[in-house]
Amino acid sequence: MKLQKNTLVLIAVALSMTGLVALFEMQVSPKQEAAKEEKQKIFAFNSDRVQFFTVKTPEKILTFERVYATKGGKSSWEMKLPVQAHASQASVDFLLDRLATGKSDRTINTTAAQLPEFGLDQPQATVTVKLDNQETHRLVLGKTDFSGRFLYAQANPPEAPPQNSAQNLPVLLVPFDFKNAVQRPLSEWKKAEAPKTDKPQKPSPTPSPENK
């Protein structure tokens, strides 16, 4: 009888543990997964909040500004530098979407003295965006990693180099398509002009018998 009682206690404990595990998976685990996903995101803003951005490379500096046809209406993008022109919506959207939704594969803790090893002392590109609340964010892109699938990058690094060269700094691994998003010829940043259509030539009048 005592054995049966102990068995029932063990069964009750097992059922309780099963219930706790199920509760953890239903409530706690999804929250942890969401937090993990959030940690992997490079930035936490939506692309439609960007009002101004700059792409700086060793060869050139490009600046773009969002403009509105009417207040609160539909917007478009204008290139301000190096020339003033209507911007390509597809090229702008491609870059801003990567900034707003891009995720880091992993983070490497390094020091300021080691930044040249990742190409971050002389970056291939620096993107700076200004949001509708005047916040600014920067993404600095360095070398391609050994696999060829990622770029080394820094998100919102300090403006001035750290005084202590041994200070720990996070270096991110971001998708390679960030390079495609910033390394474009100037012509691809401009809005394509509508093809010109030649006006049909008017047929020359047929001479009348009187004019022959």
N, C-alpha and C. Protein backbone atom coordinates (compact mmCIF):
# COMPACT_ATOMS: atom_id res chain seq x y z
N MET A 1 0.83 -1.20 0.00
CA MET A 1 0.00 0.00 0.00
C MET A 1 0.86 1.25 0.00
N LYS A 2 1.98 1.16 0.83
CA LYS A 2 2.90 2.27 0.90
C LYS A 2 3.56 2.52 -0.46
N LEU A 3 3.89 1.41 -1.15
CA LEU A 3 4.50 1.53 -2.47
C LEU A 3 3.58 2.23 -3.44
N GLN A 4 2.28 1.89 -3.38
CA GLN A 4 1.31 2.53 -4.27
C GLN A 4 1.22 4.02 -3.99
N LYS A 5 1.29 4.39 -2.67
CA LYS A 5 1.21 5.80 -2.30
C LYS A 5 2.41 6.56 -2.86
N ASN A 6 3.60 5.98 -2.74
CA ASN A 6 4.80 6.63 -3.27
C ASN A 6 4.73 6.78 -4.79
N THR A 7 4.18 5.75 -5.42
CA THR A 7 4.04 5.81 -6.88
C THR A 7 3.11 6.94 -7.28
N LEU A 8 2.01 7.10 -6.56
CA LEU A 8 1.08 8.18 -6.87
C LEU A 8 1.73 9.54 -6.67
N VAL A 9 2.55 9.67 -5.64
CA VAL A 9 3.26 10.94 -5.40
C VAL A 9 4.20 11.26 -6.56
N LEU A 10 4.93 10.23 -7.01
CA LEU A 10 5.85 10.43 -8.13
C LEU A 10 5.12 10.83 -9.40
N ILE A 11 3.99 10.20 -9.63
CA ILE A 11 3.19 10.54 -10.82
C ILE A 11 2.71 11.98 -10.73
N ALA A 12 2.25 12.39 -9.53
CA ALA A 12 1.78 13.77 -9.34
C ALA A 12 2.91 14.77 -9.58
N VAL A 13 4.11 14.46 -9.08
CA VAL A 13 5.26 15.34 -9.28
C VAL A 13 5.61 15.43 -10.77
N ALA A 14 5.58 14.28 -11.45
CA ALA A 14 5.90 14.26 -12.87
C ALA A 14 4.92 15.10 -13.67
N LEU A 15 3.62 14.97 -13.31
CA LEU A 15 2.61 15.77 -14.01
C LEU A 15 2.80 17.25 -13.75
N SER A 16 3.18 17.60 -12.53
CA SER A 16 3.42 19.01 -12.19
C SER A 16 4.58 19.57 -13.01
N MET A 17 5.66 18.77 -13.12
CA MET A 17 6.82 19.20 -13.89
C MET A 17 6.47 19.37 -15.37
N THR A 18 5.65 18.44 -15.88
CA THR A 18 5.22 18.55 -17.28
C THR A 18 4.43 19.83 -17.50
N GLY A 19 3.57 20.16 -16.53
CA GLY A 19 2.79 21.39 -16.63
C GLY A 19 3.67 22.63 -16.60
N LEU A 20 4.70 22.60 -15.75
CA LEU A 20 5.61 23.74 -15.66
C LEU A 20 6.40 23.92 -16.94
N VAL A 21 6.84 22.81 -17.52
CA VAL A 21 7.58 22.88 -18.78
C VAL A 21 6.70 23.45 -19.88
N ALA A 22 5.46 22.97 -19.93
CA ALA A 22 4.52 23.48 -20.94
C ALA A 22 4.27 24.96 -20.76
N LEU A 23 4.11 25.38 -19.49
CA LEU A 23 3.88 26.79 -19.20
C LEU A 23 5.07 27.63 -19.62
N PHE A 24 6.28 27.12 -19.36
CA PHE A 24 7.50 27.83 -19.75
C PHE A 24 7.56 28.01 -21.27
N GLU A 25 7.27 26.92 -21.97
CA GLU A 25 7.34 26.99 -23.43
C GLU A 25 6.30 27.93 -24.01
N MET A 26 5.14 28.00 -23.35
CA MET A 26 4.05 28.83 -23.86
C MET A 26 4.25 30.31 -23.55
N GLN A 27 4.83 30.62 -22.39
CA GLN A 27 4.90 32.00 -21.95
C GLN A 27 6.32 32.57 -21.97
N VAL A 28 7.25 31.88 -21.35
CA VAL A 28 8.60 32.43 -21.18
C VAL A 28 9.42 32.29 -22.44
N SER A 29 9.41 31.09 -23.03
CA SER A 29 10.25 30.84 -24.19
C SER A 29 9.99 31.79 -25.36
N PRO A 30 8.71 32.05 -25.75
CA PRO A 30 8.49 33.01 -26.84
C PRO A 30 9.06 34.39 -26.54
N LYS A 31 8.99 34.80 -25.25
CA LYS A 31 9.54 36.11 -24.89
C LYS A 31 11.05 36.12 -25.08
N GLN A 32 11.69 35.02 -24.70
CA GLN A 32 13.13 34.94 -24.88
C GLN A 32 13.51 34.95 -26.36
N GLU A 33 12.73 34.25 -27.17
CA GLU A 33 12.99 34.24 -28.61
C GLU A 33 12.83 35.63 -29.20
N ALA A 34 11.77 36.35 -28.74
CA ALA A 34 11.54 37.70 -29.23
C ALA A 34 12.69 38.61 -28.83
N ALA A 35 13.17 38.47 -27.60
CA ALA A 35 14.31 39.27 -27.15
C ALA A 35 15.55 38.95 -27.95
N LYS A 36 15.75 37.67 -28.26
CA LYS A 36 16.89 37.25 -29.05
C LYS A 36 16.83 37.86 -30.44
N GLU A 37 15.63 37.84 -31.05
CA GLU A 37 15.46 38.43 -32.37
C GLU A 37 15.75 39.92 -32.33
N GLU A 38 15.26 40.59 -31.26
CA GLU A 38 15.46 42.03 -31.14
C GLU A 38 16.93 42.36 -30.99
N LYS A 39 17.67 41.53 -30.28
CA LYS A 39 19.10 41.77 -30.09
C LYS A 39 19.85 41.65 -31.41
N GLN A 40 19.35 40.83 -32.31
CA GLN A 40 20.02 40.63 -33.58
C GLN A 40 19.80 41.78 -34.56
N LYS A 41 18.75 42.58 -34.34
CA LYS A 41 18.48 43.70 -35.24
C LYS A 41 19.57 44.75 -35.08
N ILE A 42 19.95 45.36 -36.20
CA ILE A 42 21.00 46.37 -36.16
C ILE A 42 20.46 47.67 -35.59
N PHE A 43 19.28 48.09 -36.08
CA PHE A 43 18.64 49.31 -35.59
C PHE A 43 17.18 49.02 -35.25
N ALA A 44 16.57 49.96 -34.55
CA ALA A 44 15.18 49.76 -34.12
C ALA A 44 14.29 50.90 -34.60
N PHE A 45 14.40 51.25 -35.89
CA PHE A 45 13.52 52.28 -36.44
C PHE A 45 12.90 51.76 -37.73
N ASN A 46 11.78 52.35 -38.13
CA ASN A 46 11.12 52.01 -39.39
C ASN A 46 11.64 52.92 -40.49
N SER A 47 11.71 52.40 -41.69
CA SER A 47 12.28 53.16 -42.80
C SER A 47 11.49 54.42 -43.12
N ASP A 48 10.17 54.41 -42.85
CA ASP A 48 9.37 55.59 -43.19
C ASP A 48 9.63 56.77 -42.25
N ARG A 49 10.42 56.56 -41.21
CA ARG A 49 10.76 57.65 -40.29
C ARG A 49 12.00 58.40 -40.73
N VAL A 50 12.74 57.85 -41.68
CA VAL A 50 13.97 58.51 -42.14
C VAL A 50 13.59 59.71 -43.00
N GLN A 51 14.17 60.87 -42.65
CA GLN A 51 13.89 62.10 -43.39
C GLN A 51 15.10 62.59 -44.20
N PHE A 52 16.26 62.13 -43.82
CA PHE A 52 17.48 62.60 -44.47
C PHE A 52 18.55 61.52 -44.27
N PHE A 53 19.38 61.29 -45.27
CA PHE A 53 20.49 60.36 -45.07
C PHE A 53 21.67 60.71 -45.97
N THR A 54 22.84 60.26 -45.52
CA THR A 54 24.09 60.51 -46.22
C THR A 54 24.81 59.18 -46.43
N VAL A 55 25.38 59.01 -47.60
CA VAL A 55 26.24 57.86 -47.90
C VAL A 55 27.62 58.41 -48.22
N LYS A 56 28.57 58.09 -47.38
CA LYS A 56 29.94 58.58 -47.56
C LYS A 56 30.85 57.41 -47.90
N THR A 57 31.54 57.50 -49.03
CA THR A 57 32.53 56.50 -49.43
C THR A 57 33.84 57.23 -49.68
N PRO A 58 34.95 56.50 -49.84
CA PRO A 58 36.23 57.19 -50.13
C PRO A 58 36.19 58.02 -51.40
N GLU A 59 35.28 57.69 -52.33
CA GLU A 59 35.23 58.39 -53.61
C GLU A 59 34.28 59.58 -53.61
N LYS A 60 33.19 59.50 -52.83
CA LYS A 60 32.18 60.56 -52.94
C LYS A 60 31.30 60.61 -51.69
N ILE A 61 30.55 61.71 -51.58
CA ILE A 61 29.55 61.87 -50.52
C ILE A 61 28.22 62.18 -51.20
N LEU A 62 27.20 61.41 -50.86
CA LEU A 62 25.87 61.63 -51.41
C LEU A 62 24.91 61.96 -50.27
N THR A 63 24.05 62.93 -50.48
CA THR A 63 23.03 63.27 -49.48
C THR A 63 21.66 63.25 -50.13
N PHE A 64 20.67 62.80 -49.36
CA PHE A 64 19.31 62.67 -49.86
C PHE A 64 18.33 63.21 -48.82
N GLU A 65 17.25 63.79 -49.31
CA GLU A 65 16.23 64.36 -48.42
C GLU A 65 14.85 63.93 -48.88
N ARG A 66 14.00 63.58 -47.91
CA ARG A 66 12.62 63.22 -48.23
C ARG A 66 11.82 64.51 -48.42
N VAL A 67 11.05 64.58 -49.48
CA VAL A 67 10.23 65.76 -49.76
C VAL A 67 8.78 65.32 -49.92
N TYR A 68 7.89 66.24 -49.59
CA TYR A 68 6.46 65.96 -49.64
C TYR A 68 5.78 66.90 -50.62
N ALA A 69 4.94 66.32 -51.48
CA ALA A 69 4.18 67.15 -52.42
C ALA A 69 3.19 68.03 -51.66
N THR A 70 2.54 67.47 -50.65
CA THR A 70 1.65 68.21 -49.75
C THR A 70 1.92 67.73 -48.34
N LYS A 71 1.64 68.57 -47.36
CA LYS A 71 1.90 68.21 -45.97
C LYS A 71 1.10 66.97 -45.59
N GLY A 72 1.83 65.95 -45.10
CA GLY A 72 1.17 64.70 -44.73
C GLY A 72 0.84 63.82 -45.91
N GLY A 73 1.21 64.24 -47.11
CA GLY A 73 0.89 63.46 -48.30
C GLY A 73 2.01 62.50 -48.68
N LYS A 74 1.97 62.05 -49.90
CA LYS A 74 2.96 61.10 -50.39
C LYS A 74 4.31 61.78 -50.53
N SER A 75 5.36 61.04 -50.24
CA SER A 75 6.71 61.62 -50.29
C SER A 75 7.53 61.00 -51.41
N SER A 76 8.62 61.68 -51.74
CA SER A 76 9.59 61.17 -52.69
C SER A 76 10.97 61.61 -52.19
N TRP A 77 12.02 61.20 -52.89
CA TRP A 77 13.37 61.51 -52.44
C TRP A 77 14.10 62.36 -53.47
N GLU A 78 14.86 63.33 -52.94
CA GLU A 78 15.67 64.20 -53.78
C GLU A 78 17.13 64.05 -53.39
N MET A 79 17.99 63.92 -54.38
CA MET A 79 19.43 63.96 -54.14
C MET A 79 19.86 65.42 -54.06
N LYS A 80 20.63 65.75 -53.01
CA LYS A 80 21.12 67.12 -52.82
C LYS A 80 22.59 67.26 -53.20
N LEU A 81 23.39 66.24 -52.93
CA LEU A 81 24.80 66.20 -53.28
C LEU A 81 25.13 64.83 -53.86
N PRO A 82 26.04 64.75 -54.82
CA PRO A 82 26.88 65.80 -55.39
C PRO A 82 26.17 66.67 -56.43
N VAL A 83 24.97 66.26 -56.84
CA VAL A 83 24.18 67.07 -57.77
C VAL A 83 22.74 67.06 -57.27
N GLN A 84 21.98 68.01 -57.67
CA GLN A 84 20.55 68.03 -57.34
C GLN A 84 19.79 67.30 -58.43
N ALA A 85 19.04 66.29 -58.00
CA ALA A 85 18.28 65.48 -58.97
C ALA A 85 17.23 64.68 -58.23
N HIS A 86 16.21 64.24 -58.95
CA HIS A 86 15.24 63.31 -58.38
C HIS A 86 15.96 61.97 -58.14
N ALA A 87 15.74 61.41 -56.95
CA ALA A 87 16.44 60.16 -56.60
C ALA A 87 15.65 58.94 -57.06
N SER A 88 16.37 57.86 -57.28
CA SER A 88 15.74 56.59 -57.63
C SER A 88 15.06 56.01 -56.39
N GLN A 89 13.75 55.86 -56.43
CA GLN A 89 13.01 55.34 -55.29
C GLN A 89 13.45 53.91 -54.97
N ALA A 90 13.73 53.13 -55.99
CA ALA A 90 14.11 51.73 -55.78
C ALA A 90 15.46 51.64 -55.05
N SER A 91 16.43 52.46 -55.44
CA SER A 91 17.74 52.43 -54.80
C SER A 91 17.67 52.89 -53.36
N VAL A 92 16.88 53.95 -53.12
CA VAL A 92 16.71 54.47 -51.75
C VAL A 92 16.00 53.45 -50.88
N ASP A 93 14.92 52.88 -51.39
CA ASP A 93 14.16 51.90 -50.61
C ASP A 93 15.01 50.68 -50.27
N PHE A 94 15.84 50.25 -51.20
CA PHE A 94 16.69 49.08 -50.96
C PHE A 94 17.61 49.32 -49.77
N LEU A 95 18.24 50.49 -49.73
CA LEU A 95 19.15 50.80 -48.63
C LEU A 95 18.40 50.98 -47.31
N LEU A 96 17.33 51.77 -47.31
CA LEU A 96 16.61 52.04 -46.06
C LEU A 96 15.96 50.78 -45.50
N ASP A 97 15.50 49.90 -46.38
CA ASP A 97 14.92 48.64 -45.90
C ASP A 97 15.98 47.78 -45.21
N ARG A 98 17.20 47.77 -45.78
CA ARG A 98 18.28 47.01 -45.13
C ARG A 98 18.60 47.59 -43.77
N LEU A 99 18.62 48.90 -43.66
CA LEU A 99 18.93 49.53 -42.37
C LEU A 99 17.85 49.24 -41.33
N ALA A 100 16.58 49.29 -41.75
CA ALA A 100 15.47 49.13 -40.81
C ALA A 100 15.23 47.68 -40.41
N THR A 101 15.51 46.74 -41.30
CA THR A 101 15.18 45.34 -41.01
C THR A 101 16.40 44.44 -40.89
N GLY A 102 17.58 44.96 -41.25
CA GLY A 102 18.78 44.13 -41.25
C GLY A 102 19.14 43.62 -39.87
N LYS A 103 19.71 42.42 -39.84
CA LYS A 103 20.11 41.79 -38.59
C LYS A 103 21.59 41.41 -38.64
N SER A 104 22.19 41.46 -37.48
CA SER A 104 23.59 41.06 -37.36
C SER A 104 23.67 39.56 -37.11
N ASP A 105 24.55 38.89 -37.85
CA ASP A 105 24.71 37.46 -37.66
C ASP A 105 25.31 37.16 -36.29
N ARG A 106 26.28 37.94 -35.89
CA ARG A 106 26.84 37.82 -34.55
C ARG A 106 27.69 39.05 -34.25
N THR A 107 28.08 39.20 -33.00
CA THR A 107 28.87 40.34 -32.56
C THR A 107 30.24 39.86 -32.08
N ILE A 108 31.26 40.57 -32.48
CA ILE A 108 32.62 40.26 -32.05
C ILE A 108 33.08 41.39 -31.14
N ASN A 109 33.54 41.05 -29.95
CA ASN A 109 34.10 42.06 -29.06
C ASN A 109 35.57 42.24 -29.39
N THR A 110 35.93 43.46 -29.73
CA THR A 110 37.31 43.76 -30.09
C THR A 110 37.73 45.05 -29.41
N THR A 111 38.90 45.55 -29.75
CA THR A 111 39.40 46.79 -29.16
C THR A 111 39.60 47.82 -30.25
N ALA A 112 39.72 49.07 -29.85
CA ALA A 112 39.94 50.14 -30.81
C ALA A 112 41.23 49.91 -31.59
N ALA A 113 42.24 49.34 -30.95
CA ALA A 113 43.52 49.09 -31.62
C ALA A 113 43.39 48.04 -32.72
N GLN A 114 42.36 47.18 -32.64
CA GLN A 114 42.19 46.11 -33.63
C GLN A 114 41.24 46.49 -34.76
N LEU A 115 40.65 47.67 -34.73
CA LEU A 115 39.69 48.07 -35.77
C LEU A 115 40.28 48.02 -37.18
N PRO A 116 41.55 48.36 -37.38
CA PRO A 116 42.11 48.25 -38.74
C PRO A 116 42.04 46.83 -39.31
N GLU A 117 42.07 45.81 -38.46
CA GLU A 117 41.99 44.43 -38.94
C GLU A 117 40.64 44.15 -39.61
N PHE A 118 39.62 44.92 -39.23
CA PHE A 118 38.28 44.73 -39.79
C PHE A 118 37.96 45.79 -40.85
N GLY A 119 38.94 46.61 -41.19
CA GLY A 119 38.72 47.66 -42.19
C GLY A 119 37.84 48.79 -41.69
N LEU A 120 37.75 48.96 -40.39
CA LEU A 120 36.86 49.97 -39.82
C LEU A 120 37.57 51.26 -39.46
N ASP A 121 38.89 51.30 -39.64
CA ASP A 121 39.61 52.57 -39.47
C ASP A 121 39.48 53.43 -40.71
N GLN A 122 39.38 52.78 -41.87
CA GLN A 122 39.15 53.46 -43.14
C GLN A 122 38.00 52.73 -43.84
N PRO A 123 36.77 52.97 -43.41
CA PRO A 123 35.62 52.18 -43.89
C PRO A 123 35.35 52.38 -45.37
N GLN A 124 34.75 51.35 -45.98
CA GLN A 124 34.37 51.46 -47.38
C GLN A 124 33.13 52.32 -47.55
N ALA A 125 32.35 52.47 -46.48
CA ALA A 125 31.17 53.34 -46.54
C ALA A 125 30.67 53.62 -45.13
N THR A 126 30.10 54.82 -44.97
CA THR A 126 29.44 55.20 -43.72
C THR A 126 28.08 55.78 -44.09
N VAL A 127 27.03 55.22 -43.52
CA VAL A 127 25.67 55.69 -43.78
C VAL A 127 25.15 56.37 -42.51
N THR A 128 24.68 57.59 -42.65
CA THR A 128 24.12 58.34 -41.52
C THR A 128 22.69 58.72 -41.86
N VAL A 129 21.75 58.41 -40.98
CA VAL A 129 20.35 58.75 -41.21
C VAL A 129 19.85 59.66 -40.10
N LYS A 130 18.92 60.54 -40.47
CA LYS A 130 18.25 61.39 -39.48
C LYS A 130 16.76 61.07 -39.54
N LEU A 131 16.18 60.81 -38.36
CA LEU A 131 14.77 60.44 -38.28
C LEU A 131 13.88 61.66 -38.08
N ASP A 132 12.56 61.42 -38.08
CA ASP A 132 11.61 62.51 -37.93
C ASP A 132 11.63 63.13 -36.54
N ASN A 133 12.27 62.48 -35.57
CA ASN A 133 12.41 63.06 -34.22
C ASN A 133 13.80 63.64 -34.00
N GLN A 134 14.54 63.81 -35.09
CA GLN A 134 15.89 64.39 -35.08
C GLN A 134 16.97 63.43 -34.57
N GLU A 135 16.60 62.19 -34.25
CA GLU A 135 17.63 61.20 -33.89
C GLU A 135 18.49 60.90 -35.11
N THR A 136 19.77 60.64 -34.86
CA THR A 136 20.65 60.22 -35.94
C THR A 136 21.25 58.85 -35.60
N HIS A 137 21.47 58.06 -36.64
CA HIS A 137 22.08 56.73 -36.49
C HIS A 137 23.11 56.55 -37.59
N ARG A 138 24.18 55.83 -37.26
CA ARG A 138 25.27 55.61 -38.22
C ARG A 138 25.59 54.14 -38.33
N LEU A 139 25.88 53.72 -39.56
CA LEU A 139 26.38 52.37 -39.81
C LEU A 139 27.68 52.51 -40.58
N VAL A 140 28.75 51.96 -40.01
CA VAL A 140 30.07 52.01 -40.63
C VAL A 140 30.39 50.62 -41.17
N LEU A 141 30.71 50.54 -42.45
CA LEU A 141 30.96 49.25 -43.11
C LEU A 141 32.44 49.08 -43.40
N GLY A 142 32.99 47.95 -42.95
CA GLY A 142 34.40 47.65 -43.15
C GLY A 142 34.62 46.58 -44.20
N LYS A 143 35.59 45.71 -43.94
CA LYS A 143 35.97 44.66 -44.89
C LYS A 143 34.93 43.54 -44.95
N THR A 144 35.06 42.73 -46.00
CA THR A 144 34.29 41.49 -46.09
C THR A 144 34.95 40.44 -45.20
N ASP A 145 34.14 39.62 -44.52
CA ASP A 145 34.72 38.60 -43.65
C ASP A 145 35.29 37.45 -44.50
N PHE A 146 35.94 36.50 -43.85
CA PHE A 146 36.64 35.42 -44.57
C PHE A 146 35.70 34.55 -45.38
N SER A 147 34.41 34.46 -44.98
CA SER A 147 33.46 33.61 -45.70
C SER A 147 32.95 34.28 -46.97
N GLY A 148 33.09 35.61 -47.07
CA GLY A 148 32.58 36.35 -48.22
C GLY A 148 31.08 36.60 -48.16
N ARG A 149 30.44 36.24 -47.04
CA ARG A 149 28.98 36.40 -46.92
C ARG A 149 28.57 37.58 -46.05
N PHE A 150 29.52 38.13 -45.31
CA PHE A 150 29.20 39.22 -44.39
C PHE A 150 30.23 40.33 -44.49
N LEU A 151 29.81 41.50 -43.95
CA LEU A 151 30.72 42.62 -43.81
C LEU A 151 30.90 42.90 -42.32
N TYR A 152 32.10 43.33 -41.95
CA TYR A 152 32.31 43.82 -40.60
C TYR A 152 31.72 45.22 -40.52
N ALA A 153 31.07 45.53 -39.42
CA ALA A 153 30.40 46.83 -39.32
C ALA A 153 30.34 47.28 -37.87
N GLN A 154 30.08 48.58 -37.71
CA GLN A 154 29.80 49.16 -36.40
C GLN A 154 28.51 49.96 -36.51
N ALA A 155 27.65 49.80 -35.52
CA ALA A 155 26.39 50.56 -35.46
C ALA A 155 26.51 51.61 -34.38
N ASN A 156 26.32 52.86 -34.77
CA ASN A 156 26.40 53.99 -33.84
C ASN A 156 27.70 53.98 -33.02
N PRO A 157 28.85 53.91 -33.71
CA PRO A 157 30.11 53.95 -32.97
C PRO A 157 30.34 55.37 -32.43
N PRO A 158 31.24 55.53 -31.46
CA PRO A 158 31.54 56.87 -30.95
C PRO A 158 32.11 57.75 -32.05
N GLU A 159 31.75 59.04 -32.02
CA GLU A 159 32.22 59.97 -33.05
C GLU A 159 33.74 60.10 -33.03
N ALA A 160 34.31 60.19 -31.83
CA ALA A 160 35.76 60.33 -31.69
C ALA A 160 36.36 58.99 -31.30
N PRO A 161 37.57 58.67 -31.77
CA PRO A 161 38.21 57.41 -31.37
C PRO A 161 38.39 57.35 -29.86
N PRO A 162 38.18 56.19 -29.25
CA PRO A 162 38.36 56.07 -27.80
C PRO A 162 39.78 56.42 -27.39
N GLN A 163 39.90 57.08 -26.25
CA GLN A 163 41.22 57.44 -25.73
C GLN A 163 42.01 56.19 -25.35
N ASN A 164 41.29 55.20 -24.86
CA ASN A 164 41.92 53.96 -24.45
C ASN A 164 41.85 52.96 -25.61
N SER A 165 42.99 52.64 -26.21
CA SER A 165 42.99 51.75 -27.37
C SER A 165 42.60 50.32 -27.02
N ALA A 166 42.61 49.99 -25.71
CA ALA A 166 42.24 48.65 -25.28
C ALA A 166 40.76 48.55 -24.92
N GLN A 167 40.02 49.63 -25.09
CA GLN A 167 38.59 49.63 -24.75
C GLN A 167 37.83 48.67 -25.66
N ASN A 168 36.93 47.89 -25.07
CA ASN A 168 36.15 46.93 -25.84
C ASN A 168 35.12 47.65 -26.72
N LEU A 169 35.04 47.22 -27.98
CA LEU A 169 34.08 47.78 -28.92
C LEU A 169 33.40 46.63 -29.66
N PRO A 170 32.07 46.69 -29.84
CA PRO A 170 31.38 45.64 -30.58
C PRO A 170 31.52 45.82 -32.09
N VAL A 171 31.88 44.76 -32.79
CA VAL A 171 31.91 44.73 -34.24
C VAL A 171 30.86 43.72 -34.71
N LEU A 172 30.00 44.14 -35.61
CA LEU A 172 28.91 43.29 -36.08
C LEU A 172 29.29 42.61 -37.40
N LEU A 173 28.65 41.49 -37.65
CA LEU A 173 28.70 40.86 -38.97
C LEU A 173 27.34 41.08 -39.62
N VAL A 174 27.31 41.89 -40.68
CA VAL A 174 26.05 42.24 -41.34
C VAL A 174 26.04 41.64 -42.74
N PRO A 175 24.84 41.43 -43.32
CA PRO A 175 24.75 40.80 -44.64
C PRO A 175 25.54 41.56 -45.71
N PHE A 176 26.08 40.80 -46.66
CA PHE A 176 26.91 41.36 -47.73
C PHE A 176 26.12 42.33 -48.61
N ASP A 177 24.80 42.17 -48.68
CA ASP A 177 24.05 43.03 -49.59
C ASP A 177 24.04 44.50 -49.15
N PHE A 178 24.54 44.79 -47.95
CA PHE A 178 24.74 46.19 -47.58
C PHE A 178 25.74 46.85 -48.54
N LYS A 179 26.72 46.08 -48.99
CA LYS A 179 27.70 46.63 -49.94
C LYS A 179 27.00 46.98 -51.25
N ASN A 180 26.11 46.10 -51.71
CA ASN A 180 25.36 46.38 -52.93
C ASN A 180 24.46 47.61 -52.76
N ALA A 181 24.01 47.84 -51.53
CA ALA A 181 23.09 48.96 -51.27
C ALA A 181 23.79 50.31 -51.31
N VAL A 182 25.10 50.34 -51.03
CA VAL A 182 25.79 51.63 -50.96
C VAL A 182 26.77 51.86 -52.11
N GLN A 183 27.33 50.77 -52.64
CA GLN A 183 28.34 50.92 -53.70
C GLN A 183 27.65 50.91 -55.06
N ARG A 184 27.03 52.04 -55.38
CA ARG A 184 26.34 52.18 -56.67
C ARG A 184 26.98 53.31 -57.46
N PRO A 185 26.97 53.21 -58.78
CA PRO A 185 27.37 54.38 -59.57
C PRO A 185 26.33 55.50 -59.39
N LEU A 186 26.77 56.70 -59.60
CA LEU A 186 25.89 57.86 -59.40
C LEU A 186 24.61 57.75 -60.22
N SER A 187 24.72 57.21 -61.42
CA SER A 187 23.54 57.12 -62.30
C SER A 187 22.43 56.27 -61.69
N GLU A 188 22.79 55.26 -60.86
CA GLU A 188 21.77 54.39 -60.26
C GLU A 188 21.07 55.05 -59.08
N TRP A 189 21.66 56.13 -58.54
CA TRP A 189 21.00 56.85 -57.46
C TRP A 189 19.99 57.86 -58.00
N LYS A 190 20.11 58.18 -59.29
CA LYS A 190 19.20 59.14 -59.90
C LYS A 190 17.97 58.45 -60.47
N LYS A 191 16.88 59.15 -60.45
CA LYS A 191 15.65 58.63 -61.05
C LYS A 191 15.82 58.53 -62.55
N ALA A 192 15.44 57.40 -63.10
CA ALA A 192 15.58 57.21 -64.54
C ALA A 192 14.63 58.14 -65.28
N GLU A 193 15.15 58.78 -66.29
CA GLU A 193 14.31 59.68 -67.08
C GLU A 193 13.41 58.88 -68.01
N ALA A 194 12.23 59.40 -68.20
CA ALA A 194 11.30 58.74 -69.12
C ALA A 194 11.88 58.79 -70.53
N PRO A 195 11.79 57.70 -71.26
CA PRO A 195 12.35 57.70 -72.62
C PRO A 195 11.67 58.74 -73.50
N LYS A 196 12.49 59.43 -74.25
CA LYS A 196 11.94 60.46 -75.14
C LYS A 196 11.33 59.79 -76.36
N THR A 197 10.15 60.24 -76.70
CA THR A 197 9.48 59.71 -77.90
C THR A 197 9.53 60.77 -78.98
N ASP A 198 10.01 60.38 -80.13
CA ASP A 198 10.07 61.32 -81.25
C ASP A 198 8.67 61.63 -81.74
N LYS A 199 8.42 62.90 -81.92
CA LYS A 199 7.11 63.29 -82.43
C LYS A 199 6.98 62.83 -83.87
N PRO A 200 5.82 62.26 -84.20
CA PRO A 200 5.65 61.80 -85.60
C PRO A 200 5.70 62.99 -86.55
N GLN A 201 6.44 62.80 -87.60
CA GLN A 201 6.55 63.88 -88.58
C GLN A 201 5.26 63.99 -89.38
N LYS A 202 4.89 65.23 -89.59
CA LYS A 202 3.69 65.46 -90.39
C LYS A 202 3.99 65.13 -91.84
N PRO A 203 3.08 64.38 -92.46
CA PRO A 203 3.33 64.06 -93.88
C PRO A 203 3.32 65.33 -94.73
N SER A 204 4.24 65.39 -95.68
CA SER A 204 4.26 66.57 -96.54
C SER A 204 3.01 66.57 -97.41
N PRO A 205 2.42 67.75 -97.57
CA PRO A 205 1.17 67.82 -98.32
C PRO A 205 1.34 67.36 -99.76
N THR A 206 0.35 66.61 -100.22
CA THR A 206 0.38 66.15 -101.61
C THR A 206 0.03 67.33 -102.52
N PRO A 207 0.88 67.61 -103.47
CA PRO A 207 0.58 68.77 -104.35
C PRO A 207 -0.72 68.55 -105.12
N SER A 208 -1.51 69.61 -105.15
CA SER A 208 -2.78 69.54 -105.88
C SER A 208 -2.51 69.71 -107.36
N PRO A 209 -3.45 69.30 -108.20
CA PRO A 209 -3.24 69.45 -109.67
C PRO A 209 -2.99 70.88 -110.06
N GLU A 210 -3.59 71.86 -109.30
CA GLU A 210 -3.41 73.23 -109.67
C GLU A 210 -1.97 73.70 -109.45
N ASN A 211 -1.31 73.03 -108.42
CA ASN A 211 0.06 73.45 -108.10
C ASN A 211 1.11 72.74 -108.95
N LYS A 212 0.69 71.74 -109.72
CA LYS A 212 1.67 71.03 -110.56
C LYS A 212 2.10 71.90 -111.72
